[in-house]
Protein backbone atom coordinates (compact mmCIF):
# COMPACT_ATOMS: atom_id res chain seq x y z
CA UNK A 1 -149.18 -57.02 -130.38
CA UNK A 2 -151.14 -60.66 -131.68
CA UNK A 3 -154.44 -61.32 -131.08
CA UNK A 4 -156.16 -64.59 -131.44
CA UNK A 5 -160.16 -65.60 -130.94
CA UNK A 6 -160.47 -69.30 -129.73
CA UNK A 7 -162.26 -70.67 -127.09
CA UNK A 8 -159.54 -70.70 -124.13
CA UNK A 9 -158.83 -73.28 -121.63
CA UNK A 10 -155.95 -73.04 -118.71
CA UNK A 11 -155.34 -73.34 -114.67
CA UNK A 12 -154.75 -70.63 -112.74
CA UNK A 13 -153.90 -73.09 -109.84
CA UNK A 14 -154.38 -76.89 -108.47
CA UNK A 15 -157.85 -77.82 -109.46
CA UNK A 16 -158.46 -80.52 -106.65
CA UNK A 17 -157.48 -77.61 -104.36
CA UNK A 18 -159.27 -74.86 -105.42
CA UNK A 19 -162.61 -74.51 -106.78
CA UNK A 20 -161.71 -71.15 -108.54
CA UNK A 21 -158.79 -73.03 -110.34
CA UNK A 22 -160.29 -73.60 -113.83
CA UNK A 23 -160.56 -70.34 -116.38
CA UNK A 24 -162.67 -71.39 -119.50
CA UNK A 25 -163.71 -68.85 -122.12
CA UNK A 26 -166.07 -70.28 -124.81
CA UNK A 27 -165.36 -67.02 -126.93
CA UNK A 28 -161.92 -65.86 -125.47
CA UNK A 29 -159.12 -63.53 -126.81
CA UNK A 30 -155.53 -63.80 -125.84
CA UNK A 31 -153.14 -60.99 -126.23
CA UNK A 32 -149.42 -61.58 -126.79
CA UNK A 33 -146.72 -58.97 -127.02
CA UNK A 34 -142.77 -59.16 -126.77
CA UNK A 35 -143.19 -62.98 -126.08
CA UNK A 36 -145.18 -61.90 -123.58
CA UNK A 37 -149.20 -62.81 -122.48
CA UNK A 38 -150.83 -59.45 -122.28
CA UNK A 39 -154.34 -60.29 -121.76
CA UNK A 40 -156.62 -63.67 -121.60
CA UNK A 41 -160.00 -63.80 -120.96
CA UNK A 42 -163.83 -62.81 -122.63
CA UNK A 43 -163.75 -61.94 -126.12
CA UNK A 44 -166.76 -59.14 -125.04
CA UNK A 45 -164.31 -58.17 -122.16
CA UNK A 46 -161.15 -57.47 -123.42
CA UNK A 47 -162.17 -56.50 -127.01
CA UNK A 48 -161.23 -53.01 -126.42
CA UNK A 49 -157.41 -53.72 -125.83
CA UNK A 50 -156.60 -54.78 -129.18
CA UNK A 51 -155.98 -51.34 -130.54
CA UNK A 52 -154.73 -51.68 -134.26
CA UNK A 53 -153.44 -55.35 -133.78
CA UNK A 54 -155.66 -58.00 -136.25
CA UNK A 55 -157.43 -60.32 -134.89
CA UNK A 56 -156.85 -63.88 -135.59
CA UNK A 57 -160.09 -65.32 -135.97
CA UNK A 58 -160.07 -69.63 -135.01
CA UNK A 59 -163.06 -71.22 -135.04
CA UNK A 60 -163.58 -75.00 -133.96
CA UNK A 61 -160.08 -74.41 -132.02
CA UNK A 62 -158.71 -74.51 -128.45
CA UNK A 63 -156.15 -72.95 -127.45
CA UNK A 64 -154.39 -73.85 -123.69
CA UNK A 65 -150.95 -73.78 -122.35
CA UNK A 66 -147.87 -75.36 -123.64
CA UNK A 67 -147.17 -79.01 -122.06
CA UNK A 68 -144.66 -79.32 -119.92
CA UNK A 69 -142.89 -82.70 -120.01
CA UNK A 70 -141.03 -83.21 -116.39
CA UNK A 71 -138.87 -86.31 -117.56
CA UNK A 72 -137.65 -87.59 -121.11
CA UNK A 73 -134.68 -89.51 -122.82
CA UNK A 74 -133.24 -87.71 -125.88
CA UNK A 75 -130.66 -90.26 -126.60
CA UNK A 76 -133.40 -93.09 -126.52
CA UNK A 77 -135.64 -92.13 -129.42
CA UNK A 78 -134.26 -94.45 -131.68
CA UNK A 79 -135.39 -97.54 -129.14
CA UNK A 80 -139.24 -96.32 -128.67
CA UNK A 81 -141.29 -99.27 -129.19
CA UNK A 82 -138.40 -101.74 -128.23
CA UNK A 83 -139.47 -105.24 -127.25
CA UNK A 84 -137.62 -106.57 -124.06
CA UNK A 85 -138.28 -107.04 -120.23
CA UNK A 86 -138.28 -105.24 -117.74
CA UNK A 87 -135.41 -101.77 -116.39
CA UNK A 88 -132.95 -103.41 -116.25
CA UNK A 89 -132.56 -105.90 -118.94
CA UNK A 90 -134.40 -103.47 -120.72
CA UNK A 91 -131.61 -100.87 -120.22
CA UNK A 92 -128.47 -103.13 -121.05
CA UNK A 93 -130.57 -104.77 -124.50
CA UNK A 94 -131.46 -101.31 -126.10
CA UNK A 95 -130.93 -98.31 -123.83
CA UNK A 96 -127.22 -98.62 -123.66
CA UNK A 97 -126.13 -99.80 -126.91
CA UNK A 98 -128.20 -96.44 -128.11
CA UNK A 99 -126.96 -94.56 -126.47
CA UNK A 100 -123.00 -95.43 -126.37
CA UNK A 101 -123.86 -93.98 -130.73
CA UNK A 102 -124.76 -90.26 -129.30
CA UNK A 103 -120.56 -90.08 -129.63
CA UNK A 104 -120.81 -89.25 -132.88
CA UNK A 105 -121.19 -85.27 -132.84
CA UNK A 106 -123.21 -86.12 -136.33
CA UNK A 107 -125.29 -88.27 -134.68
CA UNK A 108 -126.41 -86.42 -131.98
CA UNK A 109 -126.69 -83.28 -133.93
CA UNK A 110 -129.15 -84.99 -136.53
CA UNK A 111 -131.36 -86.75 -132.91
CA UNK A 112 -131.43 -83.63 -131.21
CA UNK A 113 -132.85 -81.93 -134.39
CA UNK A 114 -135.41 -84.72 -134.59
CA UNK A 115 -135.94 -84.99 -130.79
CA UNK A 116 -136.77 -80.99 -130.68
CA UNK A 117 -139.34 -80.19 -133.52
CA UNK A 118 -141.04 -83.98 -132.01
CA UNK A 119 -141.89 -82.54 -128.64
CA UNK A 120 -143.02 -79.25 -130.74
CA UNK A 121 -144.72 -81.62 -132.97
CA UNK A 122 -146.76 -83.02 -129.63
CA UNK A 123 -147.36 -79.51 -127.99
CA UNK A 124 -144.28 -79.77 -125.51
CA UNK A 125 -143.16 -76.37 -125.11
CA UNK A 126 -140.79 -76.72 -122.18
CA UNK A 127 -139.09 -80.46 -121.48
CA UNK A 128 -136.59 -81.65 -118.36
CA UNK A 129 -134.44 -84.37 -120.47
CA UNK A 130 -131.66 -86.89 -119.74
CA UNK A 131 -128.67 -86.47 -122.75
CA UNK A 132 -126.67 -89.65 -122.57
CA UNK A 133 -122.86 -89.60 -120.71
CA UNK A 134 -121.14 -87.65 -123.65
CA UNK A 135 -120.87 -83.87 -123.03
CA UNK A 136 -121.13 -83.26 -127.10
CA UNK A 137 -125.02 -84.72 -126.64
CA UNK A 138 -126.15 -82.06 -124.55
CA UNK A 139 -124.35 -79.62 -126.90
CA UNK A 140 -126.36 -80.65 -129.62
CA UNK A 141 -129.47 -80.35 -127.52
CA UNK A 142 -128.86 -77.37 -126.25
CA UNK A 143 -128.21 -75.50 -129.66
CA UNK A 144 -131.25 -77.36 -131.33
CA UNK A 145 -133.58 -76.01 -128.45
CA UNK A 146 -131.60 -72.29 -128.09
CA UNK A 147 -132.16 -71.94 -131.94
CA UNK A 148 -136.15 -72.06 -131.20
CA UNK A 149 -135.74 -70.64 -128.69
CA UNK A 150 -137.52 -72.74 -126.02
CA UNK A 151 -137.48 -73.09 -122.46
CA UNK A 152 -135.24 -77.03 -122.28
CA UNK A 153 -133.51 -78.08 -119.13
CA UNK A 154 -131.12 -80.77 -119.40
CA UNK A 155 -127.53 -82.04 -118.87
CA UNK A 156 -125.28 -85.49 -119.01
CA UNK A 157 -125.89 -88.42 -117.47
CA UNK A 158 -123.81 -89.77 -114.70
CA UNK A 159 -122.55 -93.12 -114.93
CA UNK A 160 -118.84 -94.21 -113.36
CA UNK A 161 -120.06 -98.01 -112.64
CA UNK A 162 -122.17 -100.72 -113.38
CA UNK A 163 -122.08 -99.05 -117.00
CA UNK A 164 -120.88 -100.78 -120.92
CA UNK A 165 -117.68 -99.63 -121.38
CA UNK A 166 -117.73 -96.52 -123.32
CA UNK A 167 -120.70 -95.19 -121.37
CA UNK A 168 -118.92 -94.91 -118.00
CA UNK A 169 -117.15 -91.46 -116.81
CA UNK A 170 -115.23 -90.39 -113.62
CA UNK A 171 -115.91 -88.45 -110.76
CA UNK A 172 -112.96 -85.14 -112.48
CA UNK A 173 -114.07 -85.85 -116.11
CA UNK A 174 -117.93 -85.75 -115.07
CA UNK A 175 -117.20 -82.64 -112.97
CA UNK A 176 -115.23 -80.61 -115.94
CA UNK A 177 -117.82 -81.14 -118.37
CA UNK A 178 -120.48 -80.31 -116.43
CA UNK A 179 -118.64 -77.06 -114.81
CA UNK A 180 -118.27 -76.08 -118.95
CA UNK A 181 -121.91 -76.97 -119.52
CA UNK A 182 -123.14 -74.77 -116.69
CA UNK A 183 -120.71 -71.95 -117.73
CA UNK A 184 -121.74 -72.14 -121.70
CA UNK A 185 -125.88 -73.02 -121.46
CA UNK A 186 -126.96 -72.57 -118.62
CA UNK A 187 -129.31 -69.13 -118.59
CA UNK A 188 -128.45 -68.76 -122.19
CA UNK A 189 -131.92 -67.96 -123.91
CA UNK A 190 -134.35 -69.67 -122.06
CA UNK A 191 -131.83 -72.83 -121.27
CA UNK A 192 -131.11 -74.54 -117.92
CA UNK A 193 -128.95 -76.84 -116.86
CA UNK A 194 -129.69 -80.83 -114.64
CA UNK A 195 -127.47 -82.04 -112.88
CA UNK A 196 -128.04 -85.90 -114.06
CA UNK A 197 -127.10 -88.75 -112.09
CA UNK A 198 -128.64 -91.47 -114.11
CA UNK A 199 -129.58 -93.73 -110.86
CA UNK A 200 -127.84 -94.66 -107.90
CA UNK A 201 -127.14 -97.82 -109.26
CA UNK A 202 -124.91 -96.29 -112.00
CA UNK A 203 -123.13 -93.50 -109.53
CA UNK A 204 -120.36 -94.52 -107.20
CA UNK A 205 -120.39 -92.41 -103.52
CA UNK A 206 -118.14 -90.19 -104.95
CA UNK A 207 -119.39 -89.50 -108.36
CA UNK A 208 -122.86 -88.88 -105.98
CA UNK A 209 -120.90 -86.68 -103.74
CA UNK A 210 -119.28 -84.55 -106.60
CA UNK A 211 -122.96 -84.32 -107.88
CA UNK A 212 -123.91 -82.53 -104.85
CA UNK A 213 -121.12 -80.68 -104.63
CA UNK A 214 -121.17 -79.10 -108.20
CA UNK A 215 -125.45 -78.32 -107.40
CA UNK A 216 -124.24 -76.25 -104.03
CA UNK A 217 -121.97 -74.59 -105.92
CA UNK A 218 -124.69 -73.09 -108.80
CA UNK A 219 -127.34 -72.29 -107.45
CA UNK A 220 -130.72 -72.06 -109.65
CA UNK A 221 -129.53 -75.42 -111.78
CA UNK A 222 -132.02 -78.55 -111.29
CA UNK A 223 -131.09 -82.40 -110.27
CA UNK A 224 -132.89 -84.95 -111.87
CA UNK A 225 -132.78 -88.98 -111.50
CA UNK A 226 -134.72 -92.00 -111.06
CA UNK A 227 -136.22 -93.41 -107.45
CA UNK A 228 -138.20 -96.43 -106.83
CA UNK A 229 -139.25 -97.72 -110.23
CA UNK A 230 -138.89 -101.05 -109.93
CA UNK A 231 -138.15 -103.57 -107.53
CA UNK A 232 -135.14 -104.98 -108.97
CA UNK A 233 -133.30 -101.87 -108.91
CA UNK A 234 -134.51 -100.81 -105.46
CA UNK A 235 -133.06 -104.12 -104.30
CA UNK A 236 -129.83 -103.39 -105.86
CA UNK A 237 -129.46 -99.86 -104.66
CA UNK A 238 -129.75 -101.26 -101.35
CA UNK A 239 -127.44 -103.58 -101.95
CA UNK A 240 -125.18 -101.10 -102.82
CA UNK A 241 -125.99 -98.26 -100.28
CA UNK A 242 -126.03 -100.63 -96.93
CA UNK A 243 -125.50 -97.31 -94.50
CA UNK A 244 -128.84 -95.58 -96.09
CA UNK A 245 -132.35 -96.13 -94.50
CA UNK A 246 -134.10 -95.63 -97.75
CA UNK A 247 -133.84 -95.70 -102.03
CA UNK A 248 -134.83 -91.40 -101.10
CA UNK A 249 -132.24 -91.67 -98.49
CA UNK A 250 -128.96 -92.73 -100.53
CA UNK A 251 -129.56 -89.18 -102.69
CA UNK A 252 -130.40 -87.48 -99.50
CA UNK A 253 -127.19 -88.16 -97.85
CA UNK A 254 -125.37 -86.22 -101.20
CA UNK A 255 -127.22 -83.32 -100.91
CA UNK A 256 -129.30 -84.10 -103.86
CA UNK A 257 -132.86 -83.50 -102.49
CA UNK A 258 -134.03 -79.84 -102.77
CA UNK A 259 -136.31 -77.30 -104.29
CA UNK A 260 -135.09 -77.53 -107.56
CA UNK A 261 -135.04 -81.79 -107.99
CA UNK A 262 -137.07 -84.05 -109.99
CA UNK A 263 -137.32 -87.61 -109.07
CA UNK A 264 -139.20 -89.34 -111.99
CA UNK A 265 -141.00 -92.17 -111.63
CA UNK A 266 -141.36 -93.27 -107.46
CA UNK A 267 -143.98 -96.36 -108.12
CA UNK A 268 -142.77 -97.95 -105.11
CA UNK A 269 -142.65 -95.10 -102.42
CA UNK A 270 -144.22 -94.90 -99.05
CA UNK A 271 -146.60 -92.28 -97.70
CA UNK A 272 -143.70 -90.96 -95.69
CA UNK A 273 -141.11 -90.55 -98.35
CA UNK A 274 -143.49 -88.34 -100.43
CA UNK A 275 -143.88 -86.18 -97.38
CA UNK A 276 -140.13 -85.94 -96.66
CA UNK A 277 -139.94 -84.66 -100.72
CA UNK A 278 -142.79 -81.91 -99.83
CA UNK A 279 -140.85 -80.95 -97.28
CA UNK A 280 -137.51 -80.55 -99.28
CA UNK A 281 -139.36 -78.57 -102.31
CA UNK A 282 -138.71 -81.47 -104.78
CA UNK A 283 -141.41 -83.00 -107.44
CA UNK A 284 -141.63 -86.28 -108.59
CA UNK A 285 -142.56 -86.95 -112.70
CA UNK A 286 -145.81 -89.32 -113.39
CA UNK A 287 -144.63 -91.51 -116.37
CA UNK A 288 -147.58 -93.73 -116.70
CA UNK A 289 -146.71 -95.35 -120.20
CA UNK A 290 -143.08 -96.39 -119.36
CA UNK A 291 -144.34 -97.97 -115.85
CA UNK A 292 -146.86 -100.14 -117.89
CA UNK A 293 -144.60 -100.82 -120.75
CA UNK A 294 -141.83 -101.91 -118.05
CA UNK A 295 -144.20 -103.21 -116.00
CA UNK A 296 -142.66 -101.09 -112.94
CA UNK A 297 -145.51 -100.96 -111.06
CA UNK A 298 -148.75 -98.13 -110.22
CA UNK A 299 -147.79 -94.85 -109.64
CA UNK A 300 -149.62 -93.78 -106.33
CA UNK A 301 -150.58 -90.41 -107.56
CA UNK A 302 -153.05 -89.77 -105.07
CA UNK A 303 -150.64 -90.58 -102.10
CA UNK A 304 -147.89 -88.16 -103.56
CA UNK A 305 -150.68 -85.38 -103.43
CA UNK A 306 -152.56 -86.29 -100.33
CA UNK A 307 -149.00 -85.69 -99.04
CA UNK A 308 -148.45 -82.27 -100.85
CA UNK A 309 -145.61 -83.53 -102.83
CA UNK A 310 -145.15 -81.76 -106.42
CA UNK A 311 -146.16 -83.78 -109.49
CA UNK A 312 -145.59 -83.32 -113.10
CA UNK A 313 -146.16 -85.60 -116.36
CA UNK A 314 -143.31 -87.13 -117.66
CA UNK A 315 -143.25 -89.40 -121.30
CA UNK A 316 -140.08 -90.60 -120.69
CA UNK A 317 -139.01 -92.16 -123.84
CA UNK A 318 -137.86 -94.24 -125.00
CA UNK A 319 -139.12 -96.76 -122.20
CA UNK A 320 -142.13 -94.27 -122.93
CA UNK A 321 -144.63 -94.54 -125.76
CA UNK A 322 -145.45 -91.48 -126.76
CA UNK A 323 -143.87 -88.02 -127.43
CA UNK A 324 -147.74 -86.86 -127.12
CA UNK A 325 -148.54 -85.16 -123.41
CA UNK A 326 -152.26 -85.64 -124.10
CA UNK A 327 -152.16 -89.76 -125.11
CA UNK A 328 -149.99 -90.20 -121.90
CA UNK A 329 -152.77 -88.42 -119.80
CA UNK A 330 -154.81 -90.90 -121.12
CA UNK A 331 -152.91 -93.78 -119.64
CA UNK A 332 -152.24 -91.69 -116.46
CA UNK A 333 -156.19 -91.90 -116.14
CA UNK A 334 -155.52 -95.86 -116.65
CA UNK A 335 -153.13 -96.51 -114.07
CA UNK A 336 -155.45 -94.52 -111.56
CA UNK A 337 -158.46 -96.94 -112.66
CA UNK A 338 -156.28 -100.07 -112.25
CA UNK A 339 -155.67 -98.37 -108.57
CA UNK A 340 -159.03 -97.24 -107.70
CA UNK A 341 -158.94 -93.73 -108.70
CA UNK A 342 -160.55 -91.83 -111.26
CA UNK A 343 -158.11 -88.55 -112.22
CA UNK A 344 -160.02 -85.80 -112.75
CA UNK A 345 -159.52 -84.38 -116.48
CA UNK A 346 -158.90 -80.76 -114.61
CA UNK A 347 -156.42 -82.33 -112.78
CA UNK A 348 -154.61 -84.26 -115.62
CA UNK A 349 -154.83 -80.90 -117.52
CA UNK A 350 -152.82 -79.01 -114.43
CA UNK A 351 -149.91 -81.97 -114.23
CA UNK A 352 -149.28 -81.06 -117.60
CA UNK A 353 -149.23 -77.74 -117.27
CA UNK A 354 -149.06 -75.59 -114.29
CA UNK A 355 -148.53 -78.59 -111.67
CA UNK A 356 -145.47 -79.21 -114.19
CA UNK A 357 -144.35 -75.84 -114.18
CA UNK A 358 -144.69 -76.00 -110.42
CA UNK A 359 -142.63 -79.05 -110.31
CA UNK A 360 -139.56 -77.43 -112.31
CA UNK A 361 -139.78 -74.03 -109.95
CA UNK A 362 -141.23 -72.57 -112.87
CA UNK A 363 -144.52 -71.35 -112.37
CA UNK A 364 -143.87 -67.66 -111.70
CA UNK A 365 -143.23 -67.63 -115.93
CA UNK A 366 -144.63 -70.81 -117.72
CA UNK A 367 -147.39 -73.08 -116.78
CA UNK A 368 -150.58 -70.88 -118.05
CA UNK A 369 -151.62 -68.12 -119.49
CA UNK A 370 -152.02 -65.57 -117.01
CA UNK A 371 -150.75 -61.62 -118.04
CA UNK A 372 -146.77 -61.65 -117.59
CA UNK A 373 -146.31 -64.96 -118.05
CA UNK A 374 -144.08 -66.57 -121.17
CA UNK A 375 -146.39 -67.10 -124.21
CA UNK A 376 -145.82 -70.71 -124.65
CA UNK A 377 -149.37 -71.83 -126.12
CA UNK A 378 -150.89 -73.89 -128.59
CA UNK A 379 -153.90 -73.57 -130.94
CA UNK A 380 -155.41 -77.27 -130.58
CA UNK A 381 -157.85 -78.73 -133.60
CA UNK A 382 -160.89 -80.46 -131.63
CA UNK A 383 -161.96 -81.48 -135.03
CA UNK A 384 -158.70 -83.13 -136.18
CA UNK A 385 -160.09 -86.25 -136.47
CA UNK A 386 -163.13 -87.58 -137.44
CA UNK A 387 -164.08 -90.03 -133.97
CA UNK A 388 -163.05 -86.69 -132.02
CA UNK A 389 -164.70 -84.20 -134.34
CA UNK A 390 -168.19 -86.97 -133.74
CA UNK A 391 -167.63 -87.17 -130.25
CA UNK A 392 -166.62 -83.40 -129.01
CA UNK A 393 -169.51 -81.98 -130.70
CA UNK A 394 -171.86 -84.31 -129.24
CA UNK A 395 -171.42 -82.98 -125.95
CA UNK A 396 -171.54 -79.82 -124.12
CA UNK A 397 -169.80 -81.00 -121.01
CA UNK A 398 -166.63 -79.42 -120.83
CA UNK A 399 -165.27 -81.80 -118.41
CA UNK A 400 -166.33 -84.71 -120.75
CA UNK A 401 -164.71 -82.60 -123.38
CA UNK A 402 -161.47 -82.50 -122.08
CA UNK A 403 -161.64 -85.81 -120.80
CA UNK A 404 -162.40 -87.62 -124.58
CA UNK A 405 -159.75 -85.58 -125.57
CA UNK A 406 -157.29 -86.92 -123.23
CA UNK A 407 -158.45 -90.10 -123.80
CA UNK A 408 -158.32 -90.27 -128.26
CA UNK A 409 -156.18 -87.35 -129.10
CA UNK A 410 -152.40 -87.61 -130.37
CA UNK A 411 -150.36 -85.21 -131.75
CA UNK A 412 -152.78 -84.46 -134.66
CA UNK A 413 -154.76 -82.69 -132.40
CA UNK A 414 -151.78 -79.80 -132.39
CA UNK A 415 -152.77 -77.83 -134.71
CA UNK A 416 -149.75 -75.06 -134.05
CA UNK A 417 -146.84 -74.31 -130.97
CA UNK A 418 -146.19 -71.00 -130.22
CA UNK A 419 -143.02 -70.57 -128.12
CA UNK A 420 -142.85 -67.12 -126.72
CA UNK A 421 -145.10 -66.04 -128.74
CA UNK A 422 -143.09 -67.37 -131.88
CA UNK A 423 -145.11 -70.26 -134.32
CA UNK A 424 -143.02 -72.66 -134.39
CA UNK A 425 -144.74 -75.67 -135.53
CA UNK A 426 -147.93 -76.06 -137.83
CA UNK A 427 -149.37 -79.03 -138.76
């Protein structure tokens, strides 16, 4: 058994719906055994459970659940912060050339190692990831994650039209690649497969139909794609699928809207569309840094939540400008400010942890430090920078300190990252 004594903060439920959701222990104890949480609570109340285990004292540290990134692109690491226009032009200028390089298995393997280490350095313990169109890119990513016992869900991008030569596949090759990847990797360790149509523009009717068939034939796999990110993208989608009532209906017609479906962005959706997502059990990945960077728009978080849609947070690297979920939460607050709604810091932490877990239909396994959950957790250094030490030391309000952490923190705050109880990163 491992025992850690520090301040502990995690969420037991959505704090906007449950006043008892915030669990904070100023002097807390976390007990971990066999990769799972045994107990989490006040030091004085749990001390009797420690037994012969040695207790690691972590003064000035905050333990919280690992962060969950519900939307990120593995092959776009090397184009983060690439100057360009809006979405479709940015894809042509930067994304597609970068992704073409992942046909080289050595490049994919090197990039996968860097990518996974960067996630851990920023405190991300679970991620839903886009691979390139190449099967080997996803295999490289799965190998890197499996070696660290990381919970990671990924899939090869499906593109059989409107993409450069070398980045398109066919219905037949896509089906064969996905079936092979699912058979070899889905459920191995803590890995999962996601059927991954890049977006409607890149997929023919036949490709989307095949994606729906593979999803239906493999219960337990996920589906991820983009939805309603950019106005020009929305207009092109409408032109390509004139029979669909709206963008969401494009995916729904092919059986891609279900309880393990995650739609990135959804910037321009109406309340009715969010209601349909909620009814299907689907989720939304809110990606504030990329929405701002590409000028896509301001995600209506308050509307999505009001209609009961599940929402997680996504960095969306490389259009997103940081791997840090903490920094991303600070940008989410700014998006809310521009919409006239101030994001509550506890709700922000929920989106990054338990809310993200529920978005991935994994709320029973990860997302907080409740007994029985997988022990994915972080040790945060609240004095990682002089400014943080000064700011957090002057304010004793938990709400104010958490908010300041999301605005001022970055990867330096993440002192340690644990996966299933094993330390996988230490700054």
